[in-house]
C-alpha atoms as a PDB file:
ATOM      1  CA  MET A   1      52.556  35.845 259.830  1.00  0.00           C
ATOM      2  CA  GLY A   2      53.541  37.014 262.929  1.00  0.00           C
ATOM      3  CA  LYS A   3      53.572  35.043 265.592  1.00  0.00           C
ATOM      4  CA  ILE A   4      52.738  36.194 269.208  1.00  0.00           C
ATOM      5  CA  ILE A   5      54.957  34.585 272.154  1.00  0.00           C
ATOM      6  CA  ALA A   6      53.746  35.521 275.822  1.00  0.00           C
ATOM      7  CA  ILE A   7      56.340  34.919 278.490  1.00  0.00           C
ATOM      8  CA  ALA A   8      54.288  34.340 281.666  1.00  0.00           C
ATOM      9  CA  ASN A   9      54.737  33.109 285.160  1.00  0.00           C
ATOM     10  CA  GLN A  10      52.802  34.990 287.949  1.00  0.00           C
ATOM     11  CA  LYS A  11      55.543  34.120 290.145  1.00  0.00           C
ATOM     12  CA  GLY A  12      57.722  37.460 290.111  1.00  0.00           C
ATOM     13  CA  GLY A  13      61.643  37.515 290.143  1.00  0.00           C
ATOM     14  CA  VAL A  14      62.134  34.269 287.671  1.00  0.00           C
ATOM     15  CA  GLY A  15      63.495  36.214 285.432  1.00  0.00           C
ATOM     16  CA  LYS A  16      60.471  37.131 283.017  1.00  0.00           C
ATOM     17  CA  THR A  17      61.509  41.046 282.272  1.00  0.00           C
ATOM     18  CA  THR A  18      64.760  39.894 281.022  1.00  0.00           C
ATOM     19  CA  SER A  19      63.685  37.031 279.025  1.00  0.00           C
ATOM     20  CA  SER A  20      61.218  39.336 276.562  1.00  0.00           C
ATOM     21  CA  VAL A  21      63.859  41.948 276.556  1.00  0.00           C
ATOM     22  CA  ASN A  22      66.884  39.435 275.466  1.00  0.00           C
ATOM     23  CA  LEU A  23      64.821  37.210 273.617  1.00  0.00           C
ATOM     24  CA  ALA A  24      63.487  39.939 271.510  1.00  0.00           C
ATOM     25  CA  ALA A  25      66.795  41.795 271.152  1.00  0.00           C
ATOM     26  CA  SER A  26      68.416  38.594 269.921  1.00  0.00           C
ATOM     27  CA  LEU A  27      65.383  37.877 267.149  1.00  0.00           C
ATOM     28  CA  GLY A  28      66.218  41.300 266.262  1.00  0.00           C
ATOM     29  CA  VAL A  29      69.589  40.574 265.896  1.00  0.00           C
ATOM     30  CA  LEU A  30      68.834  37.556 263.491  1.00  0.00           C
ATOM     31  CA  GLU A  31      67.449  39.570 261.522  1.00  0.00           C
ATOM     32  CA  LYS A  32      64.279  38.977 262.613  1.00  0.00           C
ATOM     33  CA  LYS A  33      61.284  42.117 262.625  1.00  0.00           C
ATOM     34  CA  VAL A  34      60.440  42.119 266.388  1.00  0.00           C
ATOM     35  CA  LEU A  35      57.166  44.001 268.023  1.00  0.00           C
ATOM     36  CA  LEU A  36      57.669  43.925 272.158  1.00  0.00           C
ATOM     37  CA  ILE A  37      54.630  44.538 274.212  1.00  0.00           C
ATOM     38  CA  ASP A  38      55.329  45.825 277.779  1.00  0.00           C
ATOM     39  CA  ALA A  39      52.237  44.488 279.707  1.00  0.00           C
ATOM     40  CA  ASP A  40      53.209  44.964 282.990  1.00  0.00           C
ATOM     41  CA  PRO A  41      52.333  48.487 284.816  1.00  0.00           C
ATOM     42  CA  GLN A  42      55.880  48.208 286.524  1.00  0.00           C
ATOM     43  CA  ALA A  43      57.639  49.253 282.819  1.00  0.00           C
ATOM     44  CA  ASN A  44      61.096  47.817 283.139  1.00  0.00           C
ATOM     45  CA  ALA A  45      60.998  45.905 279.987  1.00  0.00           C
ATOM     46  CA  SER A  46      60.365  49.218 278.743  1.00  0.00           C
ATOM     47  CA  SER A  47      63.043  51.451 280.536  1.00  0.00           C
ATOM     48  CA  GLY A  48      64.993  48.196 280.259  1.00  0.00           C
ATOM     49  CA  LEU A  49      65.430  49.508 276.530  1.00  0.00           C
ATOM     50  CA  GLY A  50      66.075  52.787 276.505  1.00  0.00           C
ATOM     51  CA  ILE A  51      62.704  54.301 276.755  1.00  0.00           C
ATOM     52  CA  ASP A  52      61.904  56.737 279.435  1.00  0.00           C
ATOM     53  CA  VAL A  53      58.569  55.927 280.984  1.00  0.00           C
ATOM     54  CA  GLU A  54      57.578  58.746 282.293  1.00  0.00           C
ATOM     55  CA  SER A  55      57.292  60.720 279.274  1.00  0.00           C
ATOM     56  CA  VAL A  56      55.058  58.020 277.278  1.00  0.00           C
ATOM     57  CA  GLU A  57      51.902  59.816 276.191  1.00  0.00           C
ATOM     58  CA  ILE A  58      50.327  56.392 273.972  1.00  0.00           C
ATOM     59  CA  GLY A  59      51.560  52.443 275.264  1.00  0.00           C
ATOM     60  CA  THR A  60      49.562  49.424 276.017  1.00  0.00           C
ATOM     61  CA  TYR A  61      47.241  50.829 277.731  1.00  0.00           C
ATOM     62  CA  GLN A  62      45.530  53.122 275.493  1.00  0.00           C
ATOM     63  CA  ILE A  63      45.627  49.949 272.799  1.00  0.00           C
ATOM     64  CA  LEU A  64      43.958  47.669 275.914  1.00  0.00           C
ATOM     65  CA  GLU A  65      41.152  50.532 276.068  1.00  0.00           C
ATOM     66  CA  HIS A  66      41.395  50.974 271.987  1.00  0.00           C
ATOM     67  CA  SER A  67      41.837  54.559 272.315  1.00  0.00           C
ATOM     68  CA  ASN A  68      44.596  54.499 270.267  1.00  0.00           C
ATOM     69  CA  THR A  69      46.207  51.517 267.889  1.00  0.00           C
ATOM     70  CA  PRO A  70      49.833  49.958 268.020  1.00  0.00           C
ATOM     71  CA  LYS A  71      51.168  51.720 264.940  1.00  0.00           C
ATOM     72  CA  GLU A  72      50.582  55.145 267.433  1.00  0.00           C
ATOM     73  CA  ALA A  73      51.586  53.312 270.364  1.00  0.00           C
ATOM     74  CA  VAL A  74      54.950  51.738 268.973  1.00  0.00           C
ATOM     75  CA  VAL A  75      58.888  53.929 270.132  1.00  0.00           C
ATOM     76  CA  GLN A  76      62.168  53.289 268.742  1.00  0.00           C
ATOM     77  CA  CYS A  77      64.466  51.253 271.165  1.00  0.00           C
ATOM     78  CA  SER A  78      68.261  50.811 271.365  1.00  0.00           C
ATOM     79  CA  ALA A  79      67.708  47.256 269.540  1.00  0.00           C
ATOM     80  CA  PRO A  80      67.522  46.686 265.995  1.00  0.00           C
ATOM     81  CA  ASN A  81      64.491  45.644 264.592  1.00  0.00           C
ATOM     82  CA  VAL A  82      62.553  45.573 267.968  1.00  0.00           C
ATOM     83  CA  ASP A  83      59.810  48.155 268.509  1.00  0.00           C
ATOM     84  CA  VAL A  84      58.264  48.615 271.632  1.00  0.00           C
ATOM     85  CA  ILE A  85      54.773  49.468 273.082  1.00  0.00           C
ATOM     86  CA  PRO A  86      55.605  50.686 276.201  1.00  0.00           C
ATOM     87  CA  ALA A  87      54.106  50.450 279.563  1.00  0.00           C
ATOM     88  CA  HIS A  88      53.442  53.706 282.298  1.00  0.00           C
ATOM     89  CA  ILE A  89      51.917  53.239 285.535  1.00  0.00           C
ATOM     90  CA  ASP A  90      48.607  53.558 284.280  1.00  0.00           C
ATOM     91  CA  LEU A  91      48.565  50.519 283.056  1.00  0.00           C
ATOM     92  CA  VAL A  92      47.596  48.999 286.817  1.00  0.00           C
ATOM     93  CA  ALA A  93      44.173  50.843 286.247  1.00  0.00           C
ATOM     94  CA  ILE A  94      43.339  48.665 283.152  1.00  0.00           C
ATOM     95  CA  GLU A  95      42.351  45.822 285.636  1.00  0.00           C
ATOM     96  CA  ILE A  96      39.355  47.830 286.984  1.00  0.00           C
ATOM     97  CA  GLU A  97      38.504  49.243 284.117  1.00  0.00           C
ATOM     98  CA  LEU A  98      37.947  46.183 281.714  1.00  0.00           C
ATOM     99  CA  VAL A  99      35.926  44.347 284.494  1.00  0.00           C
ATOM    100  CA  ASP A 100      32.710  45.291 282.951  1.00  0.00           C
ATOM    101  CA  LYS A 101      33.615  45.346 279.302  1.00  0.00           C
ATOM    102  CA  GLU A 102      32.192  43.112 277.416  1.00  0.00           C
ATOM    103  CA  ASN A 103      34.545  40.361 275.639  1.00  0.00           C
ATOM    104  CA  ARG A 104      37.507  41.836 277.847  1.00  0.00           C
ATOM    105  CA  GLU A 105      39.739  38.981 277.895  1.00  0.00           C
ATOM    106  CA  TYR A 106      40.323  40.127 273.913  1.00  0.00           C
ATOM    107  CA  MET A 107      40.930  43.603 274.352  1.00  0.00           C
ATOM    108  CA  LEU A 108      44.758  43.048 273.095  1.00  0.00           C
ATOM    109  CA  LYS A 109      43.907  39.992 270.390  1.00  0.00           C
ATOM    110  CA  LYS A 110      41.567  42.273 268.711  1.00  0.00           C
ATOM    111  CA  ALA A 111      43.886  45.622 268.748  1.00  0.00           C
ATOM    112  CA  LEU A 112      46.729  43.449 267.656  1.00  0.00           C
ATOM    113  CA  GLU A 113      45.306  42.013 264.292  1.00  0.00           C
ATOM    114  CA  SER A 114      45.969  45.137 262.338  1.00  0.00           C
ATOM    115  CA  VAL A 115      49.975  44.571 262.886  1.00  0.00           C
ATOM    116  CA  LYS A 116      50.511  40.949 263.485  1.00  0.00           C
ATOM    117  CA  ASP A 117      51.197  40.144 259.391  1.00  0.00           C
ATOM    118  CA  GLU A 118      53.817  43.299 260.033  1.00  0.00           C
ATOM    119  CA  TYR A 119      56.202  41.288 262.118  1.00  0.00           C
ATOM    120  CA  ASP A 120      58.266  37.683 262.265  1.00  0.00           C
ATOM    121  CA  TYR A 121      57.774  37.992 266.083  1.00  0.00           C
ATOM    122  CA  ILE A 122      55.350  39.814 269.115  1.00  0.00           C
ATOM    123  CA  ILE A 123      56.741  39.313 272.566  1.00  0.00           C
ATOM    124  CA  ILE A 124      54.571  40.068 275.035  1.00  0.00           C
ATOM    125  CA  ASP A 125      55.826  40.181 278.675  1.00  0.00           C
ATOM    126  CA  CYS A 126      52.986  39.655 280.996  1.00  0.00           C
ATOM    127  CA  ALA A 127      52.507  41.138 284.666  1.00  0.00           C
ATOM    128  CA  PRO A 128      53.844  38.804 287.122  1.00  0.00           C
ATOM    129  CA  SER A 129      50.095  38.076 288.304  1.00  0.00           C
ATOM    130  CA  LEU A 130      47.087  35.666 286.708  1.00  0.00           C
ATOM    131  CA  GLY A 131      44.562  38.796 286.477  1.00  0.00           C
ATOM    132  CA  LEU A 132      42.736  40.577 283.268  1.00  0.00           C
ATOM    133  CA  LEU A 133      46.398  41.956 281.770  1.00  0.00           C
ATOM    134  CA  THR A 134      48.065  38.106 281.724  1.00  0.00           C
ATOM    135  CA  LEU A 135      44.737  36.878 280.734  1.00  0.00           C
ATOM    136  CA  ASN A 136      44.290  39.361 277.826  1.00  0.00           C
ATOM    137  CA  ALA A 137      48.171  38.711 276.803  1.00  0.00           C
ATOM    138  CA  LEU A 138      47.856  34.890 276.533  1.00  0.00           C
ATOM    139  CA  THR A 139      44.558  34.733 274.862  1.00  0.00           C
ATOM    140  CA  ALA A 140      46.067  36.795 272.082  1.00  0.00           C
ATOM    141  CA  ALA A 141      48.842  34.709 272.026  1.00  0.00           C
ATOM    142  CA  ASP A 142      50.282  32.080 269.766  1.00  0.00           C
ATOM    143  CA  SER A 143      52.204  30.219 272.312  1.00  0.00           C
ATOM    144  CA  VAL A 144      53.670  31.098 275.911  1.00  0.00           C
ATOM    145  CA  VAL A 145      57.177  30.844 277.651  1.00  0.00           C
ATOM    146  CA  ILE A 146      57.451  30.006 281.188  1.00  0.00           C
ATOM    147  CA  PRO A 147      60.730  31.222 282.779  1.00  0.00           C
ATOM    148  CA  ILE A 148      61.286  29.268 285.651  1.00  0.00           C
ATOM    149  CA  GLN A 149      64.398  29.726 287.970  1.00  0.00           C
ATOM    150  CA  CYS A 150      67.078  27.053 288.969  1.00  0.00           C
ATOM    151  CA  GLU A 151      66.145  27.612 293.027  1.00  0.00           C
ATOM    152  CA  TYR A 152      64.135  25.680 295.800  1.00  0.00           C
ATOM    153  CA  PHE A 153      60.687  26.920 294.900  1.00  0.00           C
ATOM    154  CA  ALA A 154      60.905  26.762 291.028  1.00  0.00           C
ATOM    155  CA  LEU A 155      57.794  24.703 290.764  1.00  0.00           C
ATOM    156  CA  GLU A 156      55.843  26.259 293.079  1.00  0.00           C
ATOM    157  CA  GLY A 157      52.744  28.145 291.723  1.00  0.00           C
ATOM    158  CA  LEU A 158      53.611  26.306 288.375  1.00  0.00           C
ATOM    159  CA  GLY A 159      50.221  24.225 288.303  1.00  0.00           C
ATOM    160  CA  LYS A 160      48.405  26.896 288.674  1.00  0.00           C
ATOM    161  CA  LEU A 161      49.731  28.465 285.473  1.00  0.00           C
ATOM    162  CA  LEU A 162      49.585  25.500 283.879  1.00  0.00           C
ATOM    163  CA  ASN A 163      45.625  25.554 285.407  1.00  0.00           C
ATOM    164  CA  THR A 164      45.077  28.946 283.992  1.00  0.00           C
ATOM    165  CA  ILE A 165      46.394  28.269 280.862  1.00  0.00           C
ATOM    166  CA  LYS A 166      44.508  24.754 280.423  1.00  0.00           C
ATOM    167  CA  SER A 167      41.030  27.073 280.633  1.00  0.00           C
ATOM    168  CA  ILE A 168      42.437  29.559 278.259  1.00  0.00           C
ATOM    169  CA  GLN A 169      42.671  26.927 275.892  1.00  0.00           C
ATOM    170  CA  LYS A 170      38.988  25.627 276.752  1.00  0.00           C
ATOM    171  CA  ILE A 171      37.413  29.159 276.801  1.00  0.00           C
ATOM    172  CA  HIS A 172      38.930  31.976 275.169  1.00  0.00           C
ATOM    173  CA  ASN A 173      41.919  30.631 273.024  1.00  0.00           C
ATOM    174  CA  PRO A 174      42.258  26.343 271.797  1.00  0.00           C
ATOM    175  CA  GLU A 175      45.026  27.630 269.530  1.00  0.00           C
ATOM    176  CA  LEU A 176      47.540  28.434 272.803  1.00  0.00           C
ATOM    177  CA  ASP A 177      50.474  26.125 272.692  1.00  0.00           C
ATOM    178  CA  ILE A 178      52.995  26.257 275.464  1.00  0.00           C
ATOM    179  CA  GLU A 179      56.363  27.340 273.217  1.00  0.00           C
ATOM    180  CA  GLY A 180      58.398  26.221 276.035  1.00  0.00           C
ATOM    181  CA  LEU A 181      59.542  25.907 279.511  1.00  0.00           C
ATOM    182  CA  LEU A 182      62.747  27.767 280.306  1.00  0.00           C
ATOM    183  CA  LEU A 183      65.204  27.636 282.942  1.00  0.00           C
ATOM    184  CA  THR A 184      66.697  31.179 284.748  1.00  0.00           C
ATOM    185  CA  MET A 185      69.324  31.911 286.891  1.00  0.00           C
ATOM    186  CA  TYR A 186      71.236  28.285 286.252  1.00  0.00           C
ATOM    187  CA  ASP A 187      74.319  28.005 288.915  1.00  0.00           C
ATOM    188  CA  SER A 188      76.414  24.959 287.826  1.00  0.00           C
ATOM    189  CA  ARG A 189      78.601  25.454 290.815  1.00  0.00           C
ATOM    190  CA  LEU A 190      75.171  24.840 293.096  1.00  0.00           C
ATOM    191  CA  ARG A 191      73.692  21.576 293.865  1.00  0.00           C
ATOM    192  CA  LEU A 192      70.524  22.595 294.253  1.00  0.00           C
ATOM    193  CA  SER A 193      70.283  24.024 290.744  1.00  0.00           C
ATOM    194  CA  ASN A 194      71.681  21.201 288.982  1.00  0.00           C
ATOM    195  CA  GLN A 195      68.588  19.165 291.206  1.00  0.00           C
ATOM    196  CA  VAL A 196      66.170  21.528 289.738  1.00  0.00           C
ATOM    197  CA  VAL A 197      67.242  21.833 286.526  1.00  0.00           C
ATOM    198  CA  GLU A 198      67.125  17.763 286.104  1.00  0.00           C
ATOM    199  CA  GLU A 199      63.375  18.005 288.479  1.00  0.00           C
ATOM    200  CA  VAL A 200      61.837  19.851 285.849  1.00  0.00           C
ATOM    201  CA  GLN A 201      63.350  18.194 282.612  1.00  0.00           C
ATOM    202  CA  LYS A 202      62.248  14.701 284.049  1.00  0.00           C
ATOM    203  CA  HIS A 203      58.692  16.066 284.864  1.00  0.00           C
ATOM    204  CA  PHE A 204      58.552  18.099 281.587  1.00  0.00           C
ATOM    205  CA  ASN A 205      60.684  16.409 279.155  1.00  0.00           C
ATOM    206  CA  ASP A 206      60.540  17.502 275.522  1.00  0.00           C
ATOM    207  CA  MET A 207      58.389  20.878 277.117  1.00  0.00           C
ATOM    208  CA  VAL A 208      61.787  22.366 278.181  1.00  0.00           C
ATOM    209  CA  PHE A 209      64.055  24.566 276.227  1.00  0.00           C
ATOM    210  CA  GLU A 210      67.254  22.984 275.671  1.00  0.00           C
ATOM    211  CA  THR A 211      69.201  26.502 276.299  1.00  0.00           C
ATOM    212  CA  ILE A 212      69.525  27.404 280.055  1.00  0.00           C
ATOM    213  CA  ILE A 213      69.988  30.954 281.009  1.00  0.00           C
ATOM    214  CA  GLN A 214      72.869  31.271 283.623  1.00  0.00           C
ATOM    215  CA  ARG A 215      73.489  33.547 286.312  1.00  0.00           C
ATOM    216  CA  ASN A 216      75.312  36.441 284.545  1.00  0.00           C
ATOM    217  CA  VAL A 217      76.225  39.552 286.233  1.00  0.00           C
ATOM    218  CA  LYS A 218      76.128  41.462 282.811  1.00  0.00           C
ATOM    219  CA  LEU A 219      72.635  40.233 282.261  1.00  0.00           C
ATOM    220  CA  SER A 220      71.663  42.447 286.056  1.00  0.00           C
ATOM    221  CA  GLU A 221      73.612  45.194 284.960  1.00  0.00           C
ATOM    222  CA  ALA A 222      72.187  46.074 281.218  1.00  0.00           C
ATOM    223  CA  PRO A 223      68.417  47.210 281.972  1.00  0.00           C
ATOM    224  CA  SER A 224      70.889  50.219 284.226  1.00  0.00           C
ATOM    225  CA  PHE A 225      72.041  51.190 280.759  1.00  0.00           C
ATOM    226  CA  GLY A 226      68.759  50.957 278.849  1.00  0.00           C
ATOM    227  CA  GLU A 227      70.103  48.545 276.836  1.00  0.00           C
ATOM    228  CA  SER A 228      69.301  44.282 275.886  1.00  0.00           C
ATOM    229  CA  ILE A 229      72.700  42.563 276.695  1.00  0.00           C
ATOM    230  CA  ILE A 230      73.402  42.057 272.842  1.00  0.00           C
ATOM    231  CA  ASN A 231      74.038  45.595 272.925  1.00  0.00           C
ATOM    232  CA  TYR A 232      75.582  46.134 276.608  1.00  0.00           C
ATOM    233  CA  ASP A 233      78.052  43.165 276.099  1.00  0.00           C
ATOM    234  CA  ALA A 234      77.499  40.388 273.067  1.00  0.00           C
ATOM    235  CA  THR A 235      80.442  38.597 274.362  1.00  0.00           C
ATOM    236  CA  SER A 236      78.883  37.424 277.595  1.00  0.00           C
ATOM    237  CA  LYS A 237      77.492  34.326 278.380  1.00  0.00           C
ATOM    238  CA  GLY A 238      73.913  36.211 278.767  1.00  0.00           C
ATOM    239  CA  ALA A 239      74.153  37.259 275.349  1.00  0.00           C
ATOM    240  CA  THR A 240      75.426  33.534 274.335  1.00  0.00           C
ATOM    241  CA  ASN A 241      72.432  32.058 276.068  1.00  0.00           C
ATOM    242  CA  TYR A 242      70.211  34.533 274.395  1.00  0.00           C
ATOM    243  CA  LEU A 243      70.851  34.255 271.160  1.00  0.00           C
ATOM    244  CA  HIS A 244      70.815  30.139 271.359  1.00  0.00           C
ATOM    245  CA  LEU A 245      67.195  30.368 272.897  1.00  0.00           C
ATOM    246  CA  ALA A 246      66.678  32.484 270.421  1.00  0.00           C
ATOM    247  CA  GLN A 247      68.210  30.292 267.317  1.00  0.00           C
ATOM    248  CA  GLU A 248      65.959  27.172 268.774  1.00  0.00           C
ATOM    249  CA  ILE A 249      62.621  28.863 268.629  1.00  0.00           C
ATOM    250  CA  ILE A 250      63.291  30.365 265.485  1.00  0.00           C
ATOM    251  CA  LYS A 251      64.201  26.360 264.211  1.00  0.00           C
ATOM    252  CA  LYS A 252      61.074  25.214 266.266  1.00  0.00           C
ATOM    253  CA  ASN A 253      59.094  27.704 264.012  1.00  0.00           C
ATOM    254  CA  ASP A 254      60.408  26.936 260.802  1.00  0.00           C
ATOM    255  CA  ILE A 255      59.931  23.337 260.892  1.00  0.00           C
ATOM    256  CA  GLN A 256      56.069  23.666 262.179  1.00  0.00           C
END
């Protein structure tokens, strides 16, 4: 049975999409069958894996509307062993359209029941907000990875996200776990980066992944070529970091 992992933080620019794409690709390289769901109207996870977003006819929007099945929405991408359910800008409208629907927070969970057993991991790239799209992702997920950038305002908004997760656990999804806090954009030369790492590790202990994602030019370049960091430059620091993260997640889930 596949594990559904949402990658969420309502703060933008923390490396959420980069982590979704490259974690999915790394799990694929480690011979896990992966489904990546782009649940962000900006559709960067889709374009980052070489999918022409403008030509998407069936994607996350149709899945949430239940007008198409996940199988009908799946497209192939440049990463081995990875299927993608892409997004399109029309996903913006879903927040308004779901408002009056009954059980609106369960739309994604219900849709994924038909494919959950076909994948080892299902990764959901969430939108940078705590709206209905993210609520759907967290209600459908077994666990959540929270990327935190190693910068001054790193912990700003984290309390709000943790409170949202608590209320989802209470009301919609008692099984939801925190897979881990992922430190991103780390620069060992900066004192501030090291202070943030120390502070997060001190406050959250075992909840923090051992893997830290370092600042890496190749990581920024890869999406413009429609490739994961693994395909773009397997020898880069970024590729090594995300492979370590994938191994850490596999090891953790094999023990459970």
